[in-house]
Amino acid sequence: MIKTRTWLLLLAALLLAAGLFWWLGSRRNSGSVVQVIHDGQLLREIDLSDVREPYEFVWEDDAGNRNRIRVEPGRIAVTDANCPDRLCVHQGWLSRALPPIVCLPHRLMIQWKEASP
């Protein structure tokens, strides 16, 4: 037979784990806004938690520089670019653990929005 003390410890551990999952989930959803910035100017803000269907858009300037950006629920990536090195494409999906996606030749950056104080 399991003693009452053991049951209480198991219940406390379960409640702690549930609270931790809830806290991590709420942190992920509250900071899901990304910014697409060109040459220091904000082009677009996208709340990835609001995205229901995948979509793409193309950023292009007057000089013909072009980046295709794919937005899916919870993630964003540059899928095509006409820059010489295409490093922005090879960076893959934007993750909080990684630095922003940057296309230096086109002066384009996709980053997580800074939290407001």
Protein backbone atom coordinates (compact mmCIF):
# COMPACT_ATOMS: atom_id res chain seq x y z
CA MET A 1 0.00 0.00 0.00
CA ILE A 2 1.18 3.49 -0.78
CA LYS A 3 1.18 5.79 2.22
CA THR A 4 -0.64 9.11 2.32
CA ARG A 5 2.67 11.00 2.31
CA THR A 6 3.70 9.34 -0.97
CA TRP A 7 0.36 10.25 -2.58
CA LEU A 8 0.79 13.86 -1.47
CA LEU A 9 4.30 14.00 -2.94
CA LEU A 10 3.06 12.53 -6.24
CA LEU A 11 0.19 15.03 -6.36
CA ALA A 12 2.55 17.94 -5.63
CA ALA A 13 4.94 16.77 -8.38
CA LEU A 14 2.04 16.49 -10.84
CA LEU A 15 0.78 19.97 -9.99
CA LEU A 16 4.29 21.38 -10.33
CA ALA A 17 4.74 19.76 -13.75
CA ALA A 18 1.34 21.01 -14.95
CA GLY A 19 2.17 24.54 -13.75
CA LEU A 20 5.53 24.44 -15.51
CA PHE A 21 3.95 23.37 -18.82
CA TRP A 22 1.31 26.09 -18.53
CA TRP A 23 3.96 28.74 -17.77
CA LEU A 24 6.17 27.69 -20.69
CA GLY A 25 3.16 27.66 -23.03
CA SER A 26 2.03 31.13 -21.98
CA ARG A 27 5.56 32.52 -22.45
CA ARG A 28 5.76 31.09 -25.96
CA ASN A 29 2.43 32.58 -27.03
CA SER A 30 2.99 36.01 -25.47
CA GLY A 31 6.21 36.64 -27.41
CA SER A 32 5.31 35.35 -30.84
CA VAL A 33 5.51 38.62 -32.77
CA VAL A 34 8.24 38.93 -35.41
CA GLN A 35 9.33 42.03 -37.26
CA VAL A 36 10.46 42.25 -40.88
CA ILE A 37 12.88 45.17 -41.14
CA HIS A 38 14.62 46.67 -44.17
CA ASP A 39 17.48 49.11 -43.70
CA GLY A 40 16.27 49.95 -40.17
CA GLN A 41 12.65 50.59 -41.23
CA LEU A 42 9.87 48.32 -39.99
CA LEU A 43 8.10 46.77 -42.98
CA ARG A 44 5.75 44.38 -41.23
CA GLU A 45 4.91 42.89 -37.84
CA ILE A 46 3.47 39.39 -37.78
CA ASP A 47 1.98 37.65 -34.76
CA LEU A 48 2.85 34.03 -35.47
CA SER A 49 0.33 32.78 -32.91
CA ASP A 50 -2.48 34.30 -35.04
CA VAL A 51 -1.40 32.58 -38.27
CA ARG A 52 -3.85 29.79 -39.17
CA GLU A 53 -2.92 29.07 -42.79
CA PRO A 54 0.58 29.20 -44.32
CA TYR A 55 1.25 32.04 -46.73
CA GLU A 56 4.14 33.70 -48.54
CA PHE A 57 4.96 37.23 -49.49
CA VAL A 58 7.76 38.76 -51.53
CA TRP A 59 9.77 41.78 -50.49
CA GLU A 60 11.38 43.60 -53.41
CA ASP A 61 13.03 47.00 -53.73
CA ASP A 62 13.53 49.31 -56.70
CA ALA A 63 16.97 47.83 -57.39
CA GLY A 64 15.51 44.35 -57.95
CA ASN A 65 16.64 42.84 -54.64
CA ARG A 66 14.10 40.19 -53.70
CA ASN A 67 13.35 37.87 -50.77
CA ARG A 68 10.46 35.38 -50.59
CA ILE A 69 9.27 34.94 -46.99
CA ARG A 70 7.15 31.97 -45.85
CA VAL A 71 4.92 32.33 -42.79
CA GLU A 72 3.41 29.30 -41.07
CA PRO A 73 1.69 28.89 -37.72
CA GLY A 74 4.41 29.60 -35.14
CA ARG A 75 7.33 30.03 -37.56
CA ILE A 76 8.80 32.11 -40.38
CA ALA A 77 11.65 31.68 -42.89
CA VAL A 78 13.20 33.17 -46.01
CA THR A 79 12.65 30.52 -48.66
CA ASP A 80 14.19 32.22 -51.68
CA ALA A 81 16.39 35.24 -52.40
CA ASN A 82 18.32 36.60 -55.35
CA CYS A 83 21.32 37.68 -53.27
CA PRO A 84 24.71 36.15 -54.20
CA ASP A 85 25.28 34.00 -51.09
CA ARG A 86 21.68 33.09 -50.12
CA LEU A 87 22.74 32.73 -46.47
CA CYS A 88 19.34 34.03 -45.38
CA VAL A 89 17.69 31.04 -47.08
CA HIS A 90 20.11 28.59 -45.47
CA GLN A 91 19.38 29.96 -41.98
CA GLY A 92 16.08 28.06 -42.03
CA TRP A 93 13.15 28.73 -39.70
CA LEU A 94 13.47 31.51 -37.16
CA SER A 95 13.87 30.16 -33.65
CA ARG A 96 14.14 31.98 -30.35
CA ALA A 97 17.33 30.06 -29.66
CA LEU A 98 19.00 31.44 -32.78
CA PRO A 99 19.92 34.95 -33.91
CA PRO A 100 17.60 36.76 -36.34
CA ILE A 101 17.46 35.89 -40.02
CA VAL A 102 19.61 38.44 -41.85
CA CYS A 103 20.17 39.10 -45.54
CA LEU A 104 23.15 41.47 -45.53
CA PRO A 105 23.26 42.17 -49.29
CA HIS A 106 19.60 43.28 -49.20
CA ARG A 107 19.77 44.85 -45.69
CA LEU A 108 16.74 42.76 -44.64
CA MET A 109 16.24 41.27 -41.17
CA ILE A 110 13.55 39.15 -39.51
CA GLN A 111 13.70 39.21 -35.72
CA TRP A 112 11.56 38.57 -32.65
CA LYS A 113 9.92 41.75 -31.39
CA GLU A 114 11.49 43.02 -28.20
CA ALA A 115 9.25 42.77 -25.15
CA SER A 116 7.81 46.06 -23.93
CA PRO A 117 8.98 47.16 -20.47
